[in-house]
Amino acid sequence: MGLFSPQSPGANRALGGFLEKMNATKRVYQASFHLAKLYSKEG
């Protein structure tokens, strides 16, 4: 790791927020992908 050490809570908080954002983005992508599949099924 090196960059994110347990001794620096600020870095850990930043990393946590970043991962949270990535998860939210992934959910949005999955939702839109799901909708696209539904639409293509409808023709």
N, C-alpha and C. Protein backbone atom coordinates (compact mmCIF):
# COMPACT_ATOMS: atom_id res chain seq x y z
N MET A 1 0.85 -1.19 0.00
CA MET A 1 0.00 0.00 0.00
C MET A 1 0.89 1.24 0.00
N GLY A 2 1.44 1.57 1.16
CA GLY A 2 2.37 2.69 1.24
C GLY A 2 1.66 4.03 1.32
N LEU A 3 0.87 4.35 0.28
CA LEU A 3 0.25 5.66 0.21
C LEU A 3 -0.80 5.84 1.30
N PHE A 4 -1.65 4.83 1.48
CA PHE A 4 -2.70 4.93 2.48
C PHE A 4 -2.31 4.14 3.71
N SER A 5 -1.80 4.83 4.71
CA SER A 5 -1.41 4.16 5.94
C SER A 5 -2.51 4.34 6.98
N PRO A 6 -2.68 3.36 7.86
CA PRO A 6 -3.70 3.44 8.91
C PRO A 6 -3.50 4.64 9.81
N GLN A 7 -2.29 5.22 9.79
CA GLN A 7 -2.01 6.35 10.66
C GLN A 7 -2.57 7.65 10.11
N SER A 8 -3.02 7.66 8.86
CA SER A 8 -3.55 8.90 8.29
C SER A 8 -5.04 8.76 7.99
N PRO A 9 -5.88 9.14 8.96
CA PRO A 9 -7.33 9.02 8.78
C PRO A 9 -7.85 9.87 7.63
N GLY A 10 -7.18 10.99 7.34
CA GLY A 10 -7.63 11.85 6.24
C GLY A 10 -7.55 11.12 4.92
N ALA A 11 -6.44 10.43 4.70
CA ALA A 11 -6.27 9.69 3.44
C ALA A 11 -7.27 8.55 3.37
N ASN A 12 -7.50 7.89 4.50
CA ASN A 12 -8.46 6.78 4.51
C ASN A 12 -9.86 7.28 4.21
N ARG A 13 -10.20 8.46 4.75
CA ARG A 13 -11.52 9.02 4.50
C ARG A 13 -11.66 9.36 3.02
N ALA A 14 -10.60 9.92 2.45
CA ALA A 14 -10.63 10.28 1.03
C ALA A 14 -10.79 9.03 0.17
N LEU A 15 -10.06 7.99 0.55
CA LEU A 15 -10.14 6.73 -0.20
C LEU A 15 -11.54 6.14 -0.09
N GLY A 16 -12.10 6.19 1.12
CA GLY A 16 -13.44 5.66 1.34
C GLY A 16 -14.46 6.41 0.49
N GLY A 17 -14.34 7.74 0.44
CA GLY A 17 -15.27 8.53 -0.36
C GLY A 17 -15.13 8.20 -1.83
N PHE A 18 -13.88 7.98 -2.26
CA PHE A 18 -13.62 7.65 -3.66
C PHE A 18 -14.26 6.32 -4.03
N LEU A 19 -14.08 5.32 -3.14
CA LEU A 19 -14.65 4.00 -3.40
C LEU A 19 -16.17 4.07 -3.42
N GLU A 20 -16.72 4.90 -2.53
CA GLU A 20 -18.17 5.05 -2.46
C GLU A 20 -18.68 5.61 -3.79
N LYS A 21 -17.94 6.62 -4.30
CA LYS A 21 -18.34 7.24 -5.56
C LYS A 21 -18.27 6.22 -6.70
N MET A 22 -17.22 5.39 -6.66
CA MET A 22 -17.06 4.38 -7.70
C MET A 22 -18.23 3.40 -7.66
N ASN A 23 -18.64 3.02 -6.45
CA ASN A 23 -19.76 2.09 -6.30
C ASN A 23 -21.04 2.69 -6.84
N ALA A 24 -21.27 3.97 -6.53
CA ALA A 24 -22.48 4.65 -7.01
C ALA A 24 -22.47 4.69 -8.53
N THR A 25 -21.31 4.98 -9.11
CA THR A 25 -21.20 5.04 -10.57
C THR A 25 -21.50 3.68 -11.18
N LYS A 26 -20.97 2.64 -10.53
CA LYS A 26 -21.18 1.28 -11.02
C LYS A 26 -22.67 0.94 -11.01
N ARG A 27 -23.36 1.35 -9.94
CA ARG A 27 -24.79 1.07 -9.84
C ARG A 27 -25.54 1.77 -10.96
N VAL A 28 -25.16 3.01 -11.24
CA VAL A 28 -25.83 3.77 -12.31
C VAL A 28 -25.62 3.08 -13.64
N TYR A 29 -24.39 2.64 -13.89
CA TYR A 29 -24.09 1.95 -15.15
C TYR A 29 -24.90 0.67 -15.27
N GLN A 30 -24.97 -0.08 -14.17
CA GLN A 30 -25.72 -1.34 -14.19
C GLN A 30 -27.20 -1.08 -14.45
N ALA A 31 -27.73 -0.03 -13.83
CA ALA A 31 -29.15 0.30 -14.01
C ALA A 31 -29.44 0.68 -15.45
N SER A 32 -28.58 1.52 -16.04
CA SER A 32 -28.82 1.95 -17.42
C SER A 32 -28.63 0.78 -18.38
N PHE A 33 -27.68 -0.11 -18.06
CA PHE A 33 -27.47 -1.29 -18.89
C PHE A 33 -28.71 -2.17 -18.85
N HIS A 34 -29.28 -2.32 -17.65
CA HIS A 34 -30.48 -3.12 -17.47
C HIS A 34 -31.63 -2.52 -18.28
N LEU A 35 -31.78 -1.19 -18.22
CA LEU A 35 -32.84 -0.53 -18.97
C LEU A 35 -32.64 -0.73 -20.46
N ALA A 36 -31.40 -0.62 -20.91
CA ALA A 36 -31.10 -0.79 -22.34
C ALA A 36 -31.50 -2.20 -22.79
N LYS A 37 -31.25 -3.19 -21.94
CA LYS A 37 -31.62 -4.56 -22.29
C LYS A 37 -33.14 -4.68 -22.40
N LEU A 38 -33.85 -4.05 -21.46
CA LEU A 38 -35.31 -4.10 -21.49
C LEU A 38 -35.83 -3.48 -22.78
N TYR A 39 -35.29 -2.32 -23.12
CA TYR A 39 -35.74 -1.60 -24.32
C TYR A 39 -35.48 -2.42 -25.58
N SER A 40 -34.31 -3.03 -25.65
CA SER A 40 -33.97 -3.80 -26.85
C SER A 40 -34.88 -5.03 -26.96
N LYS A 41 -35.34 -5.53 -25.80
CA LYS A 41 -36.23 -6.68 -25.81
C LYS A 41 -37.60 -6.28 -26.37
N GLU A 42 -38.02 -5.04 -26.05
CA GLU A 42 -39.31 -4.56 -26.52
C GLU A 42 -39.28 -4.34 -28.03
N GLY A 43 -38.10 -4.25 -28.61
CA GLY A 43 -37.97 -4.06 -30.03
C GLY A 43 -37.91 -2.59 -30.35
